[in-house]
PDB file of N, CA and C in Angstrom:
ATOM      1  N   MET A   1      22.475  10.475  16.491  1.00  0.00           N
ATOM      2  CA  MET A   1      21.635  10.753  17.129  1.00  0.00           C
ATOM      3  C   MET A   1      20.502  10.090  16.448  1.00  0.00           C
ATOM      4  N   LYS A   2      19.090   9.969  17.608  1.00  0.00           N
ATOM      5  CA  LYS A   2      18.674   9.489  17.909  1.00  0.00           C
ATOM      6  C   LYS A   2      17.458  10.482  17.517  1.00  0.00           C
ATOM      7  N   LEU A   3      15.675  10.304  17.079  1.00  0.00           N
ATOM      8  CA  LEU A   3      14.657  10.965  17.026  1.00  0.00           C
ATOM      9  C   LEU A   3      13.453  10.537  17.068  1.00  0.00           C
ATOM     10  N   HIS A   4      12.786   9.764  18.257  1.00  0.00           N
ATOM     11  CA  HIS A   4      11.413   9.150  17.327  1.00  0.00           C
ATOM     12  C   HIS A   4      10.196  10.274  16.696  1.00  0.00           C
ATOM     13  N   LEU A   5      10.710  10.501  16.161  1.00  0.00           N
ATOM     14  CA  LEU A   5       9.719  11.631  14.749  1.00  0.00           C
ATOM     15  C   LEU A   5       8.196  11.627  15.108  1.00  0.00           C
ATOM     16  N   ILE A   6       7.714  10.095  15.584  1.00  0.00           N
ATOM     17  CA  ILE A   6       6.066  10.465  14.992  1.00  0.00           C
ATOM     18  C   ILE A   6       5.799  11.058  17.010  1.00  0.00           C
ATOM     19  N   ARG A   7       6.674  10.740  18.212  1.00  0.00           N
ATOM     20  CA  ARG A   7       6.390  12.155  19.338  1.00  0.00           C
ATOM     21  C   ARG A   7       6.869  13.185  19.143  1.00  0.00           C
ATOM     22  N   LEU A   8       8.039  12.774  18.869  1.00  0.00           N
ATOM     23  CA  LEU A   8       7.685  14.539  18.517  1.00  0.00           C
ATOM     24  C   LEU A   8       7.143  15.350  17.996  1.00  0.00           C
ATOM     25  N   SER A   9       7.061  14.691  16.415  1.00  0.00           N
ATOM     26  CA  SER A   9       5.723  16.038  15.484  1.00  0.00           C
ATOM     27  C   SER A   9       5.001  15.184  16.361  1.00  0.00           C
ATOM     28  N   LYS A  10       4.119  14.969  16.788  1.00  0.00           N
ATOM     29  CA  LYS A  10       2.681  15.109  17.775  1.00  0.00           C
ATOM     30  C   LYS A  10       2.568  16.086  18.904  1.00  0.00           C
ATOM     31  N   ALA A  11       3.739  16.135  19.337  1.00  0.00           N
ATOM     32  CA  ALA A  11       3.778  16.939  20.543  1.00  0.00           C
ATOM     33  C   ALA A  11       4.026  17.864  20.247  1.00  0.00           C
ATOM     34  N   GLN A  12       5.042  18.385  19.054  1.00  0.00           N
ATOM     35  CA  GLN A  12       5.730  19.832  18.596  1.00  0.00           C
ATOM     36  C   GLN A  12       5.108  20.154  17.248  1.00  0.00           C
ATOM     37  N   GLY A  13       4.758  19.385  16.284  1.00  0.00           N
ATOM     38  CA  GLY A  13       4.208  19.758  14.889  1.00  0.00           C
ATOM     39  C   GLY A  13       4.946  19.323  14.265  1.00  0.00           C
ATOM     40  N   GLU A  14       6.624  19.149  14.768  1.00  0.00           N
ATOM     41  CA  GLU A  14       7.160  18.661  13.277  1.00  0.00           C
ATOM     42  C   GLU A  14       8.367  18.856  14.038  1.00  0.00           C
ATOM     43  N   ALA A  15       9.442  18.194  12.964  1.00  0.00           N
ATOM     44  CA  ALA A  15      10.297  17.629  14.294  1.00  0.00           C
ATOM     45  C   ALA A  15      11.219  17.489  13.105  1.00  0.00           C
ATOM     46  N   ARG A  16      12.961  17.913  13.172  1.00  0.00           N
ATOM     47  CA  ARG A  16      13.987  18.313  12.032  1.00  0.00           C
ATOM     48  C   ARG A  16      14.593  17.589  13.261  1.00  0.00           C
ATOM     49  N   PHE A  17      16.137  17.383  11.882  1.00  0.00           N
ATOM     50  CA  PHE A  17      17.618  16.750  12.560  1.00  0.00           C
ATOM     51  C   PHE A  17      18.493  17.709  12.114  1.00  0.00           C
ATOM     52  N   PRO A  18      19.247  18.352  12.920  1.00  0.00           N
ATOM     53  CA  PRO A  18      19.927  19.336  13.321  1.00  0.00           C
ATOM     54  C   PRO A  18      21.062  19.030  11.571  1.00  0.00           C
ATOM     55  N   GLY A  19      20.969  20.713  11.356  1.00  0.00           N
ATOM     56  CA  GLY A  19      22.385  19.424  10.088  1.00  0.00           C
ATOM     57  C   GLY A  19      21.371  19.604   8.345  1.00  0.00           C
ATOM     58  N   VAL A  20      20.602  19.235   8.519  1.00  0.00           N
ATOM     59  CA  VAL A  20      19.847  17.722   7.245  1.00  0.00           C
ATOM     60  C   VAL A  20      18.955  19.161   7.201  1.00  0.00           C
ATOM     61  N   GLU A  21      19.423  19.880   5.824  1.00  0.00           N
ATOM     62  CA  GLU A  21      18.355  20.584   5.153  1.00  0.00           C
ATOM     63  C   GLU A  21      17.488  19.780   3.808  1.00  0.00           C
ATOM     64  N   GLY A  22      15.917  20.110   4.165  1.00  0.00           N
ATOM     65  CA  GLY A  22      15.339  19.608   3.262  1.00  0.00           C
ATOM     66  C   GLY A  22      14.311  18.871   3.662  1.00  0.00           C
ATOM     67  N   PHE A  23      14.616  18.159   4.949  1.00  0.00           N
ATOM     68  CA  PHE A  23      13.930  16.786   5.450  1.00  0.00           C
ATOM     69  C   PHE A  23      13.124  17.954   6.414  1.00  0.00           C
ATOM     70  N   ARG A  24      12.287  17.262   7.369  1.00  0.00           N
ATOM     71  CA  ARG A  24      11.340  17.613   8.358  1.00  0.00           C
ATOM     72  C   ARG A  24      10.208  16.303   8.575  1.00  0.00           C
ATOM     73  N   SER A  25       9.680  16.314   9.892  1.00  0.00           N
ATOM     74  CA  SER A  25       8.720  15.570   9.676  1.00  0.00           C
ATOM     75  C   SER A  25       7.697  16.775  10.412  1.00  0.00           C
ATOM     76  N   TYR A  26       6.373  16.601  10.031  1.00  0.00           N
ATOM     77  CA  TYR A  26       5.591  16.631  10.875  1.00  0.00           C
ATOM     78  C   TYR A  26       3.836  16.460  11.022  1.00  0.00           C
ATOM     79  N   LEU A  27       2.908  17.250  11.652  1.00  0.00           N
ATOM     80  CA  LEU A  27       1.667  16.745  11.861  1.00  0.00           C
ATOM     81  C   LEU A  27       0.996  17.273  11.387  1.00  0.00           C
ATOM     82  N   LEU A  28       0.297  16.291  10.402  1.00  0.00           N
ATOM     83  CA  LEU A  28      -1.259  17.131   8.823  1.00  0.00           C
ATOM     84  C   LEU A  28      -2.175  17.397   9.365  1.00  0.00           C
ATOM     85  N   LYS A  29      -2.843  18.641  10.194  1.00  0.00           N
ATOM     86  CA  LYS A  29      -4.293  18.469  10.608  1.00  0.00           C
ATOM     87  C   LYS A  29      -5.324  18.871   9.856  1.00  0.00           C
ATOM     88  N   GLU A  30      -4.738  19.912   8.867  1.00  0.00           N
ATOM     89  CA  GLU A  30      -5.659  20.297   7.645  1.00  0.00           C
ATOM     90  C   GLU A  30      -5.176  20.263   6.426  1.00  0.00           C
ATOM     91  N   PRO A  31      -6.289  20.366   5.249  1.00  0.00           N
ATOM     92  CA  PRO A  31      -5.739  20.430   3.697  1.00  0.00           C
ATOM     93  C   PRO A  31      -4.556  21.848   3.925  1.00  0.00           C
ATOM     94  N   GLU A  32      -3.176  21.218   2.211  1.00  0.00           N
ATOM     95  CA  GLU A  32      -2.163  21.742   2.518  1.00  0.00           C
ATOM     96  C   GLU A  32      -1.490  21.707   1.126  1.00  0.00           C
ATOM     97  N   SER A  33      -2.008  23.095   1.022  1.00  0.00           N
ATOM     98  CA  SER A  33      -1.179  22.775  -0.509  1.00  0.00           C
ATOM     99  C   SER A  33      -0.102  22.887  -1.077  1.00  0.00           C
ATOM    100  N   VAL A  34       0.806  22.394  -1.534  1.00  0.00           N
ATOM    101  CA  VAL A  34       1.876  22.500  -1.884  1.00  0.00           C
ATOM    102  C   VAL A  34       2.309  23.078  -3.140  1.00  0.00           C
ATOM    103  N   GLN A  35       3.573  23.067  -3.968  1.00  0.00           N
ATOM    104  CA  GLN A  35       3.497  23.961  -5.130  1.00  0.00           C
ATOM    105  C   GLN A  35       5.123  23.463  -5.700  1.00  0.00           C
ATOM    106  N   GLU A  36       5.498  22.373  -4.934  1.00  0.00           N
ATOM    107  CA  GLU A  36       7.537  22.084  -5.527  1.00  0.00           C
ATOM    108  C   GLU A  36       7.463  20.733  -5.276  1.00  0.00           C
ATOM    109  N   ALA A  37       8.386  20.002  -5.815  1.00  0.00           N
ATOM    110  CA  ALA A  37       8.674  18.767  -5.996  1.00  0.00           C
ATOM    111  C   ALA A  37       9.158  18.465  -3.996  1.00  0.00           C
ATOM    112  N   ARG A  38       8.185  17.274  -4.371  1.00  0.00           N
ATOM    113  CA  ARG A  38       8.413  16.472  -2.417  1.00  0.00           C
ATOM    114  C   ARG A  38       8.829  14.740  -2.451  1.00  0.00           C
ATOM    115  N   MET A  39       9.426  14.371  -1.832  1.00  0.00           N
ATOM    116  CA  MET A  39       8.998  12.928  -0.897  1.00  0.00           C
ATOM    117  C   MET A  39       8.563  12.922   0.197  1.00  0.00           C
ATOM    118  N   TYR A  40       6.918  11.765  -0.033  1.00  0.00           N
ATOM    119  CA  TYR A  40       7.140  11.813   1.288  1.00  0.00           C
ATOM    120  C   TYR A  40       7.458  10.271   1.755  1.00  0.00           C
ATOM    121  N   VAL A  41       7.024  10.271   2.694  1.00  0.00           N
ATOM    122  CA  VAL A  41       5.907   8.574   3.612  1.00  0.00           C
ATOM    123  C   VAL A  41       5.813   8.401   4.623  1.00  0.00           C
ATOM    124  N   LEU A  42       4.331   7.921   4.658  1.00  0.00           N
ATOM    125  CA  LEU A  42       3.405   8.682   5.688  1.00  0.00           C
ATOM    126  C   LEU A  42       3.812   7.325   6.861  1.00  0.00           C
ATOM    127  N   LEU A  43       4.703   8.389   8.132  1.00  0.00           N
ATOM    128  CA  LEU A  43       4.416   7.696   9.156  1.00  0.00           C
ATOM    129  C   LEU A  43       3.435   6.618   9.984  1.00  0.00           C
ATOM    130  N   GLU A  44       2.128   8.569  10.624  1.00  0.00           N
ATOM    131  CA  GLU A  44       1.497   7.561  10.361  1.00  0.00           C
ATOM    132  C   GLU A  44       0.159   7.962   9.814  1.00  0.00           C
ATOM    133  N   GLY A  45      -1.322   7.584  10.254  1.00  0.00           N
ATOM    134  CA  GLY A  45      -2.545   8.032   9.527  1.00  0.00           C
ATOM    135  C   GLY A  45      -2.728   7.879   8.230  1.00  0.00           C
ATOM    136  N   GLU A  46      -3.280   8.766   7.450  1.00  0.00           N
ATOM    137  CA  GLU A  46      -3.849   8.353   6.358  1.00  0.00           C
ATOM    138  C   GLU A  46      -4.355   9.245   5.276  1.00  0.00           C
ATOM    139  N   VAL A  47      -3.182  10.278   4.152  1.00  0.00           N
ATOM    140  CA  VAL A  47      -3.625  11.444   3.533  1.00  0.00           C
ATOM    141  C   VAL A  47      -3.652  10.761   2.198  1.00  0.00           C
ATOM    142  N   VAL A  48      -4.865  11.580   1.986  1.00  0.00           N
ATOM    143  CA  VAL A  48      -4.828  11.622   0.130  1.00  0.00           C
ATOM    144  C   VAL A  48      -4.330  12.645  -0.484  1.00  0.00           C
ATOM    145  N   ILE A  49      -3.981  12.161  -1.507  1.00  0.00           N
ATOM    146  CA  ILE A  49      -3.084  13.244  -2.615  1.00  0.00           C
ATOM    147  C   ILE A  49      -3.494  13.722  -3.736  1.00  0.00           C
ATOM    148  N   ASP A  50      -3.952  14.820  -3.790  1.00  0.00           N
ATOM    149  CA  ASP A  50      -5.301  14.999  -5.292  1.00  0.00           C
ATOM    150  C   ASP A  50      -4.113  15.568  -5.941  1.00  0.00           C
ATOM    151  N   LEU A  51      -3.949  15.239  -7.446  1.00  0.00           N
ATOM    152  CA  LEU A  51      -2.857  15.968  -8.575  1.00  0.00           C
ATOM    153  C   LEU A  51      -3.742  16.591  -9.912  1.00  0.00           C
ATOM    154  N   PRO A  52      -3.254  17.842 -10.482  1.00  0.00           N
ATOM    155  CA  PRO A  52      -4.262  19.046 -11.025  1.00  0.00           C
ATOM    156  C   PRO A  52      -3.790  18.160 -12.242  1.00  0.00           C
ATOM    157  N   ASP A  53      -3.928  16.649 -13.159  1.00  0.00           N
ATOM    158  CA  ASP A  53      -5.141  16.293 -13.524  1.00  0.00           C
ATOM    159  C   ASP A  53      -6.257  14.866 -13.082  1.00  0.00           C
ATOM    160  N   ARG A  54      -6.910  15.454 -11.619  1.00  0.00           N
ATOM    161  CA  ARG A  54      -7.487  15.348 -11.573  1.00  0.00           C
ATOM    162  C   ARG A  54      -7.643  13.979 -10.828  1.00  0.00           C
ATOM    163  N   THR A  55      -6.417  12.909 -10.764  1.00  0.00           N
ATOM    164  CA  THR A  55      -6.280  12.122 -10.057  1.00  0.00           C
ATOM    165  C   THR A  55      -6.039  11.880  -8.940  1.00  0.00           C
ATOM    166  N   TYR A  56      -5.910  10.646  -7.723  1.00  0.00           N
ATOM    167  CA  TYR A  56      -5.232  10.647  -6.060  1.00  0.00           C
ATOM    168  C   TYR A  56      -4.669   9.747  -6.558  1.00  0.00           C
ATOM    169  N   LEU A  57      -3.862   9.360  -5.223  1.00  0.00           N
ATOM    170  CA  LEU A  57      -2.870   8.611  -4.615  1.00  0.00           C
ATOM    171  C   LEU A  57      -3.636   9.024  -2.477  1.00  0.00           C
ATOM    172  N   HIS A  58      -3.922   7.597  -2.124  1.00  0.00           N
ATOM    173  CA  HIS A  58      -3.551   7.325  -1.161  1.00  0.00           C
ATOM    174  C   HIS A  58      -2.845   6.580   0.167  1.00  0.00           C
ATOM    175  N   LEU A  59      -1.983   7.719   0.749  1.00  0.00           N
ATOM    176  CA  LEU A  59      -1.408   6.500   1.653  1.00  0.00           C
ATOM    177  C   LEU A  59      -2.156   6.500   3.158  1.00  0.00           C
ATOM    178  N   ARG A  60      -1.492   4.286   3.372  1.00  0.00           N
ATOM    179  CA  ARG A  60      -1.348   4.273   4.393  1.00  0.00           C
ATOM    180  C   ARG A  60      -0.059   4.691   4.844  1.00  0.00           C
ATOM    181  N   ARG A  61       0.253   3.888   6.599  1.00  0.00           N
ATOM    182  CA  ARG A  61       1.625   3.926   7.241  1.00  0.00           C
ATOM    183  C   ARG A  61       2.314   3.436   6.911  1.00  0.00           C
ATOM    184  N   GLY A  62       3.760   3.875   6.502  1.00  0.00           N
ATOM    185  CA  GLY A  62       4.165   3.186   5.727  1.00  0.00           C
ATOM    186  C   GLY A  62       4.364   3.216   4.733  1.00  0.00           C
ATOM    187  N   GLU A  63       3.675   4.295   3.700  1.00  0.00           N
ATOM    188  CA  GLU A  63       3.503   4.039   2.617  1.00  0.00           C
ATOM    189  C   GLU A  63       4.426   5.346   2.307  1.00  0.00           C
ATOM    190  N   ALA A  64       4.945   5.420   0.966  1.00  0.00           N
ATOM    191  CA  ALA A  64       5.917   6.919   0.383  1.00  0.00           C
ATOM    192  C   ALA A  64       5.277   7.056  -0.979  1.00  0.00           C
ATOM    193  N   ALA A  65       5.348   8.160  -1.184  1.00  0.00           N
ATOM    194  CA  ALA A  65       4.913   9.060  -2.576  1.00  0.00           C
ATOM    195  C   ALA A  65       5.816  10.339  -3.687  1.00  0.00           C
ATOM    196  N   GLN A  66       6.612  10.316  -4.450  1.00  0.00           N
ATOM    197  CA  GLN A  66       7.220  11.390  -5.157  1.00  0.00           C
ATOM    198  C   GLN A  66       6.547  12.174  -5.743  1.00  0.00           C
ATOM    199  N   LEU A  67       6.397  13.090  -5.482  1.00  0.00           N
ATOM    200  CA  LEU A  67       5.366  13.607  -6.138  1.00  0.00           C
ATOM    201  C   LEU A  67       6.678  15.287  -7.330  1.00  0.00           C
ATOM    202  N   LEU A  68       6.769  15.388  -8.335  1.00  0.00           N
ATOM    203  CA  LEU A  68       7.588  16.666  -8.645  1.00  0.00           C
ATOM    204  C   LEU A  68       7.016  17.350  -9.201  1.00  0.00           C
ATOM    205  N   GLY A  69       5.202  17.926  -8.783  1.00  0.00           N
ATOM    206  CA  GLY A  69       4.524  19.453  -9.065  1.00  0.00           C
ATOM    207  C   GLY A  69       3.420  19.891  -8.323  1.00  0.00           C
ATOM    208  N   PRO A  70       3.154  19.993  -8.673  1.00  0.00           N
ATOM    209  CA  PRO A  70       1.661  20.590  -7.486  1.00  0.00           C
ATOM    210  C   PRO A  70       1.008  19.947  -6.813  1.00  0.00           C
ATOM    211  N   HIS A  71       0.439  19.149  -5.908  1.00  0.00           N
ATOM    212  CA  HIS A  71      -0.516  19.191  -5.772  1.00  0.00           C
ATOM    213  C   HIS A  71      -1.001  19.420  -4.151  1.00  0.00           C
ATOM    214  N   LEU A  72      -2.420  18.641  -3.485  1.00  0.00           N
ATOM    215  CA  LEU A  72      -2.321  18.888  -2.573  1.00  0.00           C
ATOM    216  C   LEU A  72      -2.942  17.664  -1.150  1.00  0.00           C
ATOM    217  N   LEU A  73      -2.557  17.967  -0.243  1.00  0.00           N
ATOM    218  CA  LEU A  73      -2.476  16.886   0.608  1.00  0.00           C
ATOM    219  C   LEU A  73      -3.501  17.022   1.316  1.00  0.00           C
ATOM    220  N   THR A  74      -4.373  16.199   2.146  1.00  0.00           N
ATOM    221  CA  THR A  74      -5.513  15.866   2.733  1.00  0.00           C
ATOM    222  C   THR A  74      -5.449  15.126   3.348  1.00  0.00           C
ATOM    223  N   PRO A  75      -5.471  15.098   4.820  1.00  0.00           N
ATOM    224  CA  PRO A  75      -5.704  13.953   5.565  1.00  0.00           C
ATOM    225  C   PRO A  75      -7.621  13.921   6.335  1.00  0.00           C
ATOM    226  N   ILE A  76      -7.201  12.793   6.314  1.00  0.00           N
ATOM    227  CA  ILE A  76      -8.044  11.343   6.434  1.00  0.00           C
ATOM    228  C   ILE A  76      -7.916  11.933   8.014  1.00  0.00           C
ATOM    229  N   ASP A  77      -7.623  11.670   9.046  1.00  0.00           N
ATOM    230  CA  ASP A  77      -6.836  11.432  10.474  1.00  0.00           C
ATOM    231  C   ASP A  77      -5.773  12.368  11.320  1.00  0.00           C
ATOM    232  N   PRO A  78      -5.360  13.067  11.922  1.00  0.00           N
ATOM    233  CA  PRO A  78      -4.255  13.960  12.542  1.00  0.00           C
ATOM    234  C   PRO A  78      -3.451  12.192  11.243  1.00  0.00           C
ATOM    235  N   SER A  79      -1.884  12.429  10.643  1.00  0.00           N
ATOM    236  CA  SER A  79      -0.949  11.858  10.132  1.00  0.00           C
ATOM    237  C   SER A  79      -0.132  12.826  10.615  1.00  0.00           C
ATOM    238  N   VAL A  80       0.407  11.414  10.887  1.00  0.00           N
ATOM    239  CA  VAL A  80       2.075  12.297  10.498  1.00  0.00           C
ATOM    240  C   VAL A  80       2.948  11.976   9.665  1.00  0.00           C
ATOM    241  N   LEU A  81       3.405  13.035   8.685  1.00  0.00           N
ATOM    242  CA  LEU A  81       4.891  13.078   7.027  1.00  0.00           C
ATOM    243  C   LEU A  81       5.749  13.391   7.349  1.00  0.00           C
ATOM    244  N   ALA A  82       6.871  11.847   7.244  1.00  0.00           N
ATOM    245  CA  ALA A  82       8.282  12.983   6.650  1.00  0.00           C
ATOM    246  C   ALA A  82       8.043  13.151   5.756  1.00  0.00           C
ATOM    247  N   VAL A  83       8.644  14.047   5.434  1.00  0.00           N
ATOM    248  CA  VAL A  83       9.313  15.062   4.103  1.00  0.00           C
ATOM    249  C   VAL A  83       9.859  15.823   4.341  1.00  0.00           C
ATOM    250  N   TRP A  84      10.733  15.418   2.304  1.00  0.00           N
ATOM    251  CA  TRP A  84      11.593  15.591   2.221  1.00  0.00           C
ATOM    252  C   TRP A  84      11.634  16.901   0.290  1.00  0.00           C
ATOM    253  N   LYS A  85      12.240  17.822   0.536  1.00  0.00           N
ATOM    254  CA  LYS A  85      12.234  18.464  -0.924  1.00  0.00           C
ATOM    255  C   LYS A  85      13.020  18.118  -1.750  1.00  0.00           C
ATOM    256  N   LEU A  86      12.742  17.855  -2.672  1.00  0.00           N
ATOM    257  CA  LEU A  86      13.073  17.659  -3.721  1.00  0.00           C
ATOM    258  C   LEU A  86      13.775  18.492  -4.595  1.00  0.00           C
TER     259      LEU A  86
END
């Protein structure tokens, strides 16, 4: 099965592969607080991830991050993320 994750996420808000648990891609337009472990690959846009220790990660297209604790996602502009729950 082939899915165009960026196009589907922009048109529908998110995309999932049927039968694949814990994975989705979605359009991030507003800040989002996350309390669980996740891995991200930024497919389009630019996102800042604030961490509890007051540091941050700045993701650009094609970059990835694995986060094991709480964090805050803030898009610089509307962004498409591929996300795996860990």
